N, C-alpha and C. Protein backbone atom coordinates (compact mmCIF):
# COMPACT_ATOMS: atom_id res chain seq x y z
N UNK A 1 216.99 -44.49 -49.88
CA UNK A 1 218.07 -45.19 -50.56
C UNK A 1 217.75 -45.30 -52.05
N UNK A 2 218.67 -44.86 -52.87
CA UNK A 2 218.47 -44.86 -54.32
C UNK A 2 218.31 -46.28 -54.87
N UNK A 3 219.14 -47.20 -54.39
CA UNK A 3 219.09 -48.58 -54.89
C UNK A 3 217.76 -49.25 -54.60
N UNK A 4 217.22 -49.04 -53.41
CA UNK A 4 215.93 -49.62 -53.05
C UNK A 4 214.84 -49.09 -53.97
N UNK A 5 214.90 -47.79 -54.22
CA UNK A 5 213.93 -47.16 -55.11
C UNK A 5 214.02 -47.72 -56.52
N UNK A 6 215.24 -47.87 -57.02
CA UNK A 6 215.46 -48.42 -58.36
C UNK A 6 214.95 -49.86 -58.44
N UNK A 7 215.25 -50.65 -57.42
CA UNK A 7 214.80 -52.04 -57.40
C UNK A 7 213.29 -52.12 -57.40
N UNK A 8 212.65 -51.24 -56.60
CA UNK A 8 211.19 -51.24 -56.53
C UNK A 8 210.60 -50.88 -57.90
N UNK A 9 211.20 -49.88 -58.56
CA UNK A 9 210.74 -49.49 -59.90
C UNK A 9 210.84 -50.67 -60.85
N UNK A 10 212.00 -51.36 -60.82
CA UNK A 10 212.22 -52.51 -61.70
C UNK A 10 211.24 -53.64 -61.39
N UNK A 11 210.98 -53.85 -60.11
CA UNK A 11 210.10 -54.94 -59.69
C UNK A 11 208.68 -54.74 -60.20
N UNK A 12 208.28 -53.49 -60.40
CA UNK A 12 206.92 -53.20 -60.82
C UNK A 12 206.81 -52.85 -62.29
N UNK A 13 207.93 -52.96 -63.02
CA UNK A 13 207.92 -52.60 -64.43
C UNK A 13 207.98 -53.84 -65.29
N UNK A 14 207.14 -53.87 -66.29
CA UNK A 14 207.14 -54.97 -67.25
C UNK A 14 208.18 -54.58 -68.32
N UNK A 15 209.17 -55.44 -68.58
CA UNK A 15 210.33 -55.02 -69.38
C UNK A 15 210.05 -54.68 -70.86
N UNK A 16 209.13 -55.35 -71.50
CA UNK A 16 208.91 -55.12 -72.94
C UNK A 16 208.25 -53.77 -73.20
N UNK A 17 207.15 -53.49 -72.50
CA UNK A 17 206.37 -52.29 -72.76
C UNK A 17 206.74 -51.13 -71.84
N UNK A 18 207.49 -51.42 -70.79
CA UNK A 18 207.83 -50.44 -69.75
C UNK A 18 206.59 -49.94 -69.02
N UNK A 19 205.53 -50.73 -69.04
CA UNK A 19 204.32 -50.41 -68.29
C UNK A 19 204.40 -51.05 -66.91
N UNK A 20 203.61 -50.56 -65.99
CA UNK A 20 203.52 -51.19 -64.68
C UNK A 20 202.92 -52.59 -64.84
N UNK A 21 203.36 -53.52 -63.99
CA UNK A 21 202.95 -54.91 -64.10
C UNK A 21 201.76 -55.25 -63.19
N UNK A 22 201.43 -56.53 -63.14
CA UNK A 22 200.28 -56.99 -62.37
C UNK A 22 200.38 -56.65 -60.88
N UNK A 23 201.57 -56.79 -60.31
CA UNK A 23 201.75 -56.47 -58.88
C UNK A 23 201.41 -55.01 -58.62
N UNK A 24 201.90 -54.12 -59.48
CA UNK A 24 201.61 -52.69 -59.35
C UNK A 24 200.12 -52.43 -59.56
N UNK A 25 199.50 -53.15 -60.49
CA UNK A 25 198.07 -53.01 -60.75
C UNK A 25 197.26 -53.33 -59.50
N UNK A 26 197.56 -54.46 -58.86
CA UNK A 26 196.85 -54.87 -57.65
C UNK A 26 197.07 -53.83 -56.55
N UNK A 27 198.33 -53.41 -56.39
CA UNK A 27 198.67 -52.41 -55.38
C UNK A 27 197.93 -51.09 -55.66
N UNK A 28 197.92 -50.67 -56.92
CA UNK A 28 197.24 -49.44 -57.31
C UNK A 28 195.75 -49.53 -56.99
N UNK A 29 195.16 -50.66 -57.35
CA UNK A 29 193.72 -50.84 -57.12
C UNK A 29 193.40 -50.80 -55.63
N UNK A 30 194.17 -51.55 -54.87
CA UNK A 30 193.93 -51.60 -53.41
C UNK A 30 194.15 -50.24 -52.76
N UNK A 31 195.25 -49.57 -53.12
CA UNK A 31 195.61 -48.31 -52.46
C UNK A 31 194.88 -47.10 -53.03
N UNK A 32 194.93 -46.93 -54.35
CA UNK A 32 194.36 -45.73 -54.96
C UNK A 32 192.84 -45.78 -55.03
N UNK A 33 192.33 -46.85 -55.59
CA UNK A 33 190.88 -46.92 -55.84
C UNK A 33 190.11 -47.04 -54.53
N UNK A 34 190.53 -47.95 -53.68
CA UNK A 34 189.76 -48.18 -52.46
C UNK A 34 189.95 -47.09 -51.40
N UNK A 35 191.09 -46.40 -51.41
CA UNK A 35 191.35 -45.41 -50.35
C UNK A 35 191.23 -43.96 -50.81
N UNK A 36 191.40 -43.72 -52.11
CA UNK A 36 191.38 -42.35 -52.63
C UNK A 36 189.95 -41.80 -52.61
N UNK A 37 189.77 -40.71 -51.87
CA UNK A 37 188.42 -40.12 -51.73
C UNK A 37 187.94 -39.48 -53.03
N UNK A 38 188.86 -39.07 -53.90
CA UNK A 38 188.46 -38.41 -55.14
C UNK A 38 187.94 -39.40 -56.18
N UNK A 39 188.25 -40.69 -55.98
CA UNK A 39 187.75 -41.72 -56.89
C UNK A 39 186.53 -42.38 -56.27
N UNK A 40 185.37 -42.18 -56.88
CA UNK A 40 184.13 -42.75 -56.36
C UNK A 40 183.74 -44.04 -57.10
N UNK A 41 184.06 -44.07 -58.38
CA UNK A 41 183.68 -45.19 -59.25
C UNK A 41 184.55 -45.10 -60.49
N UNK A 42 184.34 -46.00 -61.42
CA UNK A 42 185.11 -45.94 -62.65
C UNK A 42 184.89 -47.19 -63.48
N UNK A 43 185.77 -47.38 -64.45
CA UNK A 43 185.67 -48.53 -65.34
C UNK A 43 187.02 -49.22 -65.41
N UNK A 44 186.96 -50.54 -65.28
CA UNK A 44 188.13 -51.40 -65.47
C UNK A 44 187.94 -52.11 -66.79
N UNK A 45 188.96 -52.10 -67.64
CA UNK A 45 188.88 -52.89 -68.86
C UNK A 45 190.11 -53.77 -68.97
N UNK A 46 189.90 -54.95 -69.52
CA UNK A 46 190.99 -55.87 -69.81
C UNK A 46 191.01 -56.07 -71.32
N UNK A 47 192.18 -55.86 -71.90
CA UNK A 47 192.36 -56.05 -73.34
C UNK A 47 193.29 -57.24 -73.55
N UNK A 48 192.79 -58.25 -74.24
CA UNK A 48 193.56 -59.49 -74.46
C UNK A 48 194.08 -59.55 -75.89
N UNK A 49 195.38 -59.69 -76.02
CA UNK A 49 196.03 -59.78 -77.33
C UNK A 49 195.87 -61.20 -77.86
N UNK A 50 194.92 -61.35 -78.76
CA UNK A 50 194.45 -62.66 -79.19
C UNK A 50 195.46 -63.45 -80.04
N UNK A 51 196.42 -62.78 -80.65
CA UNK A 51 197.32 -63.48 -81.58
C UNK A 51 198.72 -63.76 -81.02
N UNK A 52 198.95 -63.41 -79.75
CA UNK A 52 200.32 -63.51 -79.23
C UNK A 52 200.91 -64.90 -79.33
N UNK A 53 200.15 -65.89 -78.90
CA UNK A 53 200.66 -67.27 -78.91
C UNK A 53 201.02 -67.71 -80.33
N UNK A 54 200.13 -67.42 -81.28
CA UNK A 54 200.34 -67.80 -82.68
C UNK A 54 201.58 -67.11 -83.24
N UNK A 55 201.69 -65.80 -82.99
CA UNK A 55 202.84 -65.04 -83.49
C UNK A 55 204.14 -65.58 -82.90
N UNK A 56 204.15 -65.83 -81.58
CA UNK A 56 205.35 -66.37 -80.93
C UNK A 56 205.74 -67.71 -81.53
N UNK A 57 204.75 -68.58 -81.78
CA UNK A 57 205.03 -69.92 -82.31
C UNK A 57 205.51 -69.88 -83.75
N UNK A 58 204.87 -69.04 -84.57
CA UNK A 58 205.19 -69.04 -86.00
C UNK A 58 206.36 -68.13 -86.35
N UNK A 59 206.37 -66.94 -85.75
CA UNK A 59 207.37 -65.92 -86.14
C UNK A 59 208.44 -65.66 -85.09
N UNK A 60 208.28 -66.25 -83.90
CA UNK A 60 209.27 -66.06 -82.84
C UNK A 60 208.90 -64.95 -81.86
N UNK A 61 209.62 -64.93 -80.75
CA UNK A 61 209.30 -64.02 -79.65
C UNK A 61 209.56 -62.55 -79.99
N UNK A 62 210.55 -62.26 -80.86
CA UNK A 62 210.78 -60.87 -81.26
C UNK A 62 209.57 -60.31 -81.97
N UNK A 63 208.97 -61.10 -82.84
CA UNK A 63 207.75 -60.67 -83.54
C UNK A 63 206.61 -60.50 -82.55
N UNK A 64 206.55 -61.38 -81.57
CA UNK A 64 205.53 -61.27 -80.51
C UNK A 64 205.70 -59.98 -79.72
N UNK A 65 206.96 -59.64 -79.40
CA UNK A 65 207.23 -58.40 -78.68
C UNK A 65 206.84 -57.17 -79.51
N UNK A 66 207.12 -57.22 -80.81
CA UNK A 66 206.77 -56.11 -81.70
C UNK A 66 205.26 -55.91 -81.72
N UNK A 67 204.52 -57.02 -81.79
CA UNK A 67 203.05 -56.99 -81.76
C UNK A 67 202.55 -56.38 -80.44
N UNK A 68 203.10 -56.85 -79.32
CA UNK A 68 202.71 -56.34 -78.00
C UNK A 68 203.01 -54.85 -77.88
N UNK A 69 204.17 -54.43 -78.38
CA UNK A 69 204.52 -53.01 -78.35
C UNK A 69 203.56 -52.18 -79.19
N UNK A 70 203.14 -52.72 -80.32
CA UNK A 70 202.16 -52.03 -81.17
C UNK A 70 200.85 -51.82 -80.44
N UNK A 71 200.38 -52.86 -79.76
CA UNK A 71 199.15 -52.76 -78.98
C UNK A 71 199.33 -51.78 -77.83
N UNK A 72 200.46 -51.86 -77.13
CA UNK A 72 200.73 -50.97 -76.00
C UNK A 72 200.74 -49.51 -76.45
N UNK A 73 201.35 -49.23 -77.60
CA UNK A 73 201.40 -47.86 -78.11
C UNK A 73 200.01 -47.33 -78.42
N UNK A 74 199.17 -48.16 -79.03
CA UNK A 74 197.79 -47.77 -79.32
C UNK A 74 197.06 -47.44 -78.01
N UNK A 75 197.24 -48.30 -77.01
CA UNK A 75 196.55 -48.11 -75.74
C UNK A 75 197.07 -46.90 -74.97
N UNK A 76 198.39 -46.70 -74.99
CA UNK A 76 198.98 -45.53 -74.32
C UNK A 76 198.40 -44.24 -74.91
N UNK A 77 198.30 -44.20 -76.24
CA UNK A 77 197.76 -43.01 -76.90
C UNK A 77 196.28 -42.82 -76.56
N UNK A 78 195.54 -43.92 -76.50
CA UNK A 78 194.09 -43.84 -76.28
C UNK A 78 193.73 -43.35 -74.88
N UNK A 79 194.51 -43.70 -73.87
CA UNK A 79 194.14 -43.31 -72.50
C UNK A 79 194.47 -41.86 -72.18
N UNK A 80 195.26 -41.21 -73.02
CA UNK A 80 195.65 -39.82 -72.72
C UNK A 80 194.44 -38.89 -72.67
N UNK A 81 193.35 -39.27 -73.31
CA UNK A 81 192.14 -38.44 -73.32
C UNK A 81 191.35 -38.53 -72.01
N UNK A 82 191.73 -39.44 -71.12
CA UNK A 82 190.94 -39.69 -69.91
C UNK A 82 191.77 -39.36 -68.68
N UNK A 83 191.32 -38.37 -67.93
CA UNK A 83 192.06 -37.90 -66.76
C UNK A 83 192.22 -39.00 -65.72
N UNK A 84 193.44 -39.21 -65.29
CA UNK A 84 193.73 -40.19 -64.24
C UNK A 84 193.76 -41.63 -64.72
N UNK A 85 193.57 -41.86 -66.02
CA UNK A 85 193.56 -43.23 -66.54
C UNK A 85 194.94 -43.87 -66.39
N UNK A 86 194.94 -45.16 -66.07
CA UNK A 86 196.18 -45.91 -65.87
C UNK A 86 196.15 -47.17 -66.73
N UNK A 87 197.32 -47.52 -67.26
CA UNK A 87 197.45 -48.70 -68.11
C UNK A 87 198.50 -49.63 -67.50
N UNK A 88 198.20 -50.92 -67.46
CA UNK A 88 199.09 -51.93 -66.89
C UNK A 88 199.19 -53.11 -67.84
N UNK A 89 200.31 -53.82 -67.80
CA UNK A 89 200.40 -55.10 -68.51
C UNK A 89 200.34 -56.19 -67.45
N UNK A 90 199.23 -56.94 -67.45
CA UNK A 90 198.98 -57.92 -66.39
C UNK A 90 199.78 -59.20 -66.57
N UNK A 91 199.87 -59.65 -67.80
CA UNK A 91 200.61 -60.88 -68.12
C UNK A 91 200.98 -60.81 -69.59
N UNK A 92 201.44 -61.89 -70.16
CA UNK A 92 201.94 -61.82 -71.53
C UNK A 92 200.92 -61.26 -72.51
N UNK A 93 199.65 -61.64 -72.38
CA UNK A 93 198.67 -61.22 -73.39
C UNK A 93 197.63 -60.22 -72.91
N UNK A 94 197.61 -59.87 -71.63
CA UNK A 94 196.54 -59.01 -71.10
C UNK A 94 197.03 -57.65 -70.61
N UNK A 95 196.31 -56.62 -71.03
CA UNK A 95 196.51 -55.27 -70.52
C UNK A 95 195.28 -54.89 -69.70
N UNK A 96 195.49 -54.10 -68.66
CA UNK A 96 194.36 -53.58 -67.87
C UNK A 96 194.38 -52.06 -67.95
N UNK A 97 193.20 -51.48 -68.06
CA UNK A 97 193.06 -50.03 -68.02
C UNK A 97 192.10 -49.70 -66.90
N UNK A 98 192.46 -48.73 -66.08
CA UNK A 98 191.56 -48.21 -65.06
C UNK A 98 191.28 -46.76 -65.40
N UNK A 99 190.01 -46.45 -65.62
CA UNK A 99 189.62 -45.06 -65.86
C UNK A 99 188.75 -44.62 -64.68
N UNK A 100 189.32 -43.82 -63.78
CA UNK A 100 188.55 -43.40 -62.60
C UNK A 100 187.48 -42.37 -62.94
N UNK A 101 186.40 -42.41 -62.15
CA UNK A 101 185.30 -41.44 -62.27
C UNK A 101 184.78 -41.34 -63.70
N UNK A 102 184.64 -42.49 -64.32
CA UNK A 102 184.20 -42.59 -65.71
C UNK A 102 183.04 -43.57 -65.75
N UNK A 103 182.04 -43.26 -66.55
CA UNK A 103 180.89 -44.17 -66.70
C UNK A 103 181.19 -45.19 -67.79
N UNK A 104 180.44 -46.28 -67.80
CA UNK A 104 180.59 -47.29 -68.85
C UNK A 104 180.32 -46.66 -70.21
N UNK A 105 179.33 -45.77 -70.28
CA UNK A 105 179.00 -45.11 -71.55
C UNK A 105 180.22 -44.39 -72.12
N UNK A 106 180.91 -43.62 -71.27
CA UNK A 106 182.11 -42.90 -71.70
C UNK A 106 183.22 -43.88 -72.06
N UNK A 107 183.37 -44.93 -71.27
CA UNK A 107 184.43 -45.92 -71.52
C UNK A 107 184.18 -46.67 -72.82
N UNK A 108 182.92 -46.77 -73.23
CA UNK A 108 182.62 -47.43 -74.51
C UNK A 108 183.21 -46.63 -75.68
N UNK A 109 183.30 -45.31 -75.53
CA UNK A 109 183.98 -44.51 -76.56
C UNK A 109 185.45 -44.89 -76.64
N UNK A 110 186.05 -45.08 -75.47
CA UNK A 110 187.45 -45.49 -75.38
C UNK A 110 187.66 -46.85 -76.07
N UNK A 111 186.81 -47.82 -75.74
CA UNK A 111 187.00 -49.16 -76.31
C UNK A 111 186.66 -49.20 -77.79
N UNK A 112 185.71 -48.37 -78.23
CA UNK A 112 185.41 -48.30 -79.67
C UNK A 112 186.60 -47.70 -80.42
N UNK A 113 187.23 -46.71 -79.82
CA UNK A 113 188.43 -46.11 -80.40
C UNK A 113 189.53 -47.18 -80.52
N UNK A 114 189.69 -47.99 -79.47
CA UNK A 114 190.67 -49.09 -79.52
C UNK A 114 190.35 -50.04 -80.67
N UNK A 115 189.09 -50.43 -80.80
CA UNK A 115 188.69 -51.34 -81.88
C UNK A 115 189.07 -50.76 -83.23
N UNK A 116 188.78 -49.48 -83.44
CA UNK A 116 189.11 -48.83 -84.72
C UNK A 116 190.62 -48.88 -84.98
N UNK A 117 191.41 -48.56 -83.94
CA UNK A 117 192.88 -48.57 -84.08
C UNK A 117 193.41 -49.99 -84.27
N UNK A 118 192.82 -50.95 -83.56
CA UNK A 118 193.24 -52.35 -83.71
C UNK A 118 192.93 -52.86 -85.12
N UNK A 119 191.80 -52.44 -85.68
CA UNK A 119 191.44 -52.85 -87.04
C UNK A 119 192.49 -52.35 -88.04
N UNK A 120 192.93 -51.11 -87.90
CA UNK A 120 193.97 -50.55 -88.78
C UNK A 120 195.29 -51.30 -88.59
N UNK A 121 195.63 -51.56 -87.33
CA UNK A 121 196.86 -52.30 -87.00
C UNK A 121 196.80 -53.72 -87.59
N UNK A 122 195.62 -54.33 -87.52
CA UNK A 122 195.44 -55.69 -88.05
C UNK A 122 195.70 -55.71 -89.55
N UNK A 123 195.14 -54.74 -90.27
CA UNK A 123 195.33 -54.68 -91.72
C UNK A 123 196.81 -54.45 -92.06
N UNK A 124 197.44 -53.53 -91.33
CA UNK A 124 198.85 -53.20 -91.60
C UNK A 124 199.79 -54.37 -91.27
N UNK A 125 199.39 -55.18 -90.29
CA UNK A 125 200.27 -56.27 -89.82
C UNK A 125 199.89 -57.63 -90.38
N UNK A 126 198.82 -57.67 -91.16
CA UNK A 126 198.35 -58.93 -91.76
C UNK A 126 198.09 -60.00 -90.69
N UNK A 127 197.30 -59.63 -89.67
CA UNK A 127 196.95 -60.54 -88.59
C UNK A 127 195.48 -60.96 -88.72
N UNK A 128 195.12 -62.05 -88.06
CA UNK A 128 193.71 -62.49 -88.05
C UNK A 128 192.86 -61.59 -87.16
N UNK A 129 193.45 -61.11 -86.07
CA UNK A 129 192.81 -60.17 -85.17
C UNK A 129 193.93 -59.55 -84.34
N UNK A 130 193.60 -58.56 -83.52
CA UNK A 130 194.63 -57.94 -82.68
C UNK A 130 194.33 -58.15 -81.20
N UNK A 131 193.16 -57.68 -80.77
CA UNK A 131 192.84 -57.77 -79.34
C UNK A 131 191.35 -57.58 -79.10
N UNK A 132 190.87 -58.14 -78.01
CA UNK A 132 189.47 -58.02 -77.58
C UNK A 132 189.45 -57.43 -76.18
N UNK A 133 188.43 -56.64 -75.91
CA UNK A 133 188.37 -55.94 -74.63
C UNK A 133 187.06 -56.22 -73.90
N UNK A 134 187.17 -56.50 -72.62
CA UNK A 134 186.01 -56.61 -71.75
C UNK A 134 186.07 -55.48 -70.75
N UNK A 135 184.93 -54.81 -70.53
CA UNK A 135 184.95 -53.73 -69.55
C UNK A 135 183.83 -53.88 -68.55
N UNK A 136 184.10 -53.36 -67.36
CA UNK A 136 183.14 -53.46 -66.27
C UNK A 136 183.28 -52.23 -65.37
N UNK A 137 182.13 -51.74 -64.90
CA UNK A 137 182.13 -50.60 -63.99
C UNK A 137 182.56 -51.08 -62.60
N UNK A 138 183.28 -50.22 -61.89
CA UNK A 138 183.62 -50.56 -60.51
C UNK A 138 183.17 -49.45 -59.58
N UNK A 139 182.95 -49.85 -58.34
CA UNK A 139 182.70 -48.89 -57.27
C UNK A 139 183.55 -49.36 -56.09
N UNK A 140 183.55 -48.60 -55.04
CA UNK A 140 184.42 -48.89 -53.90
C UNK A 140 184.22 -50.30 -53.32
N UNK A 141 183.01 -50.80 -53.40
CA UNK A 141 182.69 -52.04 -52.67
C UNK A 141 182.94 -53.32 -53.47
N UNK A 142 183.31 -53.20 -54.73
CA UNK A 142 183.49 -54.41 -55.55
C UNK A 142 184.90 -54.98 -55.38
N UNK A 143 185.01 -56.26 -55.03
CA UNK A 143 186.34 -56.87 -54.91
C UNK A 143 187.00 -57.01 -56.29
N UNK A 144 188.30 -56.80 -56.33
CA UNK A 144 189.05 -56.84 -57.58
C UNK A 144 188.89 -58.17 -58.31
N UNK A 145 188.94 -59.28 -57.59
CA UNK A 145 188.81 -60.59 -58.22
C UNK A 145 187.51 -60.74 -58.99
N UNK A 146 186.44 -60.23 -58.42
CA UNK A 146 185.12 -60.28 -59.06
C UNK A 146 185.12 -59.42 -60.33
N UNK A 147 185.72 -58.24 -60.25
CA UNK A 147 185.79 -57.34 -61.41
C UNK A 147 186.59 -57.98 -62.55
N UNK A 148 187.70 -58.61 -62.20
CA UNK A 148 188.53 -59.27 -63.22
C UNK A 148 187.77 -60.41 -63.89
N UNK A 149 187.01 -61.15 -63.09
CA UNK A 149 186.21 -62.26 -63.65
C UNK A 149 185.15 -61.72 -64.60
N UNK A 150 184.51 -60.62 -64.23
CA UNK A 150 183.48 -60.01 -65.08
C UNK A 150 184.09 -59.47 -66.38
N UNK A 151 185.26 -58.83 -66.28
CA UNK A 151 185.93 -58.32 -67.48
C UNK A 151 186.33 -59.48 -68.39
N UNK A 152 186.76 -60.58 -67.78
CA UNK A 152 187.13 -61.78 -68.53
C UNK A 152 185.93 -62.34 -69.29
N UNK A 153 184.78 -62.35 -68.65
CA UNK A 153 183.54 -62.78 -69.31
C UNK A 153 183.25 -61.85 -70.48
N UNK A 154 183.47 -60.56 -70.28
CA UNK A 154 183.29 -59.58 -71.36
C UNK A 154 184.16 -59.89 -72.56
N UNK A 155 185.42 -60.28 -72.31
CA UNK A 155 186.33 -60.65 -73.40
C UNK A 155 185.78 -61.85 -74.15
N UNK A 156 185.32 -62.86 -73.41
CA UNK A 156 184.77 -64.07 -74.04
C UNK A 156 183.60 -63.73 -74.96
N UNK A 157 182.75 -62.83 -74.51
CA UNK A 157 181.60 -62.42 -75.33
C UNK A 157 182.08 -61.61 -76.54
N UNK A 158 183.02 -60.70 -76.32
CA UNK A 158 183.57 -59.89 -77.43
C UNK A 158 184.16 -60.77 -78.52
N UNK A 159 184.78 -61.88 -78.12
CA UNK A 159 185.42 -62.77 -79.10
C UNK A 159 184.40 -63.49 -79.98
N UNK A 160 183.13 -63.51 -79.57
CA UNK A 160 182.10 -64.13 -80.40
C UNK A 160 181.51 -63.12 -81.38
N UNK A 161 181.89 -61.85 -81.24
CA UNK A 161 181.40 -60.80 -82.12
C UNK A 161 182.42 -60.53 -83.21
N UNK A 162 182.40 -59.34 -83.81
CA UNK A 162 183.36 -59.09 -84.89
C UNK A 162 184.78 -58.93 -84.34
N UNK A 163 185.76 -58.95 -85.24
CA UNK A 163 187.17 -58.88 -84.88
C UNK A 163 187.47 -57.64 -84.04
N UNK A 164 188.33 -57.81 -83.04
CA UNK A 164 188.84 -56.70 -82.23
C UNK A 164 187.76 -55.96 -81.46
N UNK A 165 186.63 -56.62 -81.22
CA UNK A 165 185.53 -55.90 -80.58
C UNK A 165 185.68 -55.89 -79.06
N UNK A 166 184.74 -55.24 -78.41
CA UNK A 166 184.72 -55.07 -76.97
C UNK A 166 183.31 -55.42 -76.49
N UNK A 167 183.21 -55.67 -75.21
CA UNK A 167 181.90 -55.95 -74.62
C UNK A 167 181.88 -55.40 -73.20
N UNK A 168 180.85 -54.62 -72.91
CA UNK A 168 180.67 -54.07 -71.56
C UNK A 168 179.83 -55.05 -70.75
N UNK A 169 180.41 -55.60 -69.69
CA UNK A 169 179.72 -56.54 -68.83
C UNK A 169 178.94 -55.75 -67.80
N UNK A 170 177.64 -55.54 -68.08
CA UNK A 170 176.84 -54.70 -67.18
C UNK A 170 176.03 -55.54 -66.20
N UNK A 171 175.82 -56.81 -66.52
CA UNK A 171 175.13 -57.68 -65.57
C UNK A 171 176.15 -58.22 -64.60
N UNK A 172 176.16 -57.68 -63.38
CA UNK A 172 177.18 -58.08 -62.41
C UNK A 172 176.71 -59.18 -61.48
N UNK A 173 175.59 -59.79 -61.80
CA UNK A 173 175.06 -60.87 -60.94
C UNK A 173 175.41 -62.25 -61.46
N UNK A 174 176.40 -62.35 -62.32
CA UNK A 174 176.75 -63.66 -62.90
C UNK A 174 177.42 -64.53 -61.86
């Protein structure tokens, strides 16, 4: 049925960026990562748009959407270099990237590229910062909730470093 298909697409699409939303992210992780034999491991990163609340409060929601779209465009362009990489918008300020069969070392190139692009975007947009990224390696046996918590810790650490930085959470025993 065409209508059911359309509704399902809409239900999993975030309207501003046209990216898949948190529900699709969870479904993708459960179905693709845990069941797909070609994916053995990879890297999950969460990128948090640090200025969204301030922009929405001071300049309004349209300005906030413009900022989010700018970040989304940077991230969409950055993942094209990584085979099978997926980008999701989890909530108003957080994006998730899944890069399958990728090591943390390789993913650090991705996040450093993001930092460089965010720095340029920050200067052009006259912002205090743009976004911070936490990344964590995953394997088949790691529960998604634990990975998200580790990536979140990575963001907290990145925010104590220079603007728009990233942090790879390699100690998974926290």
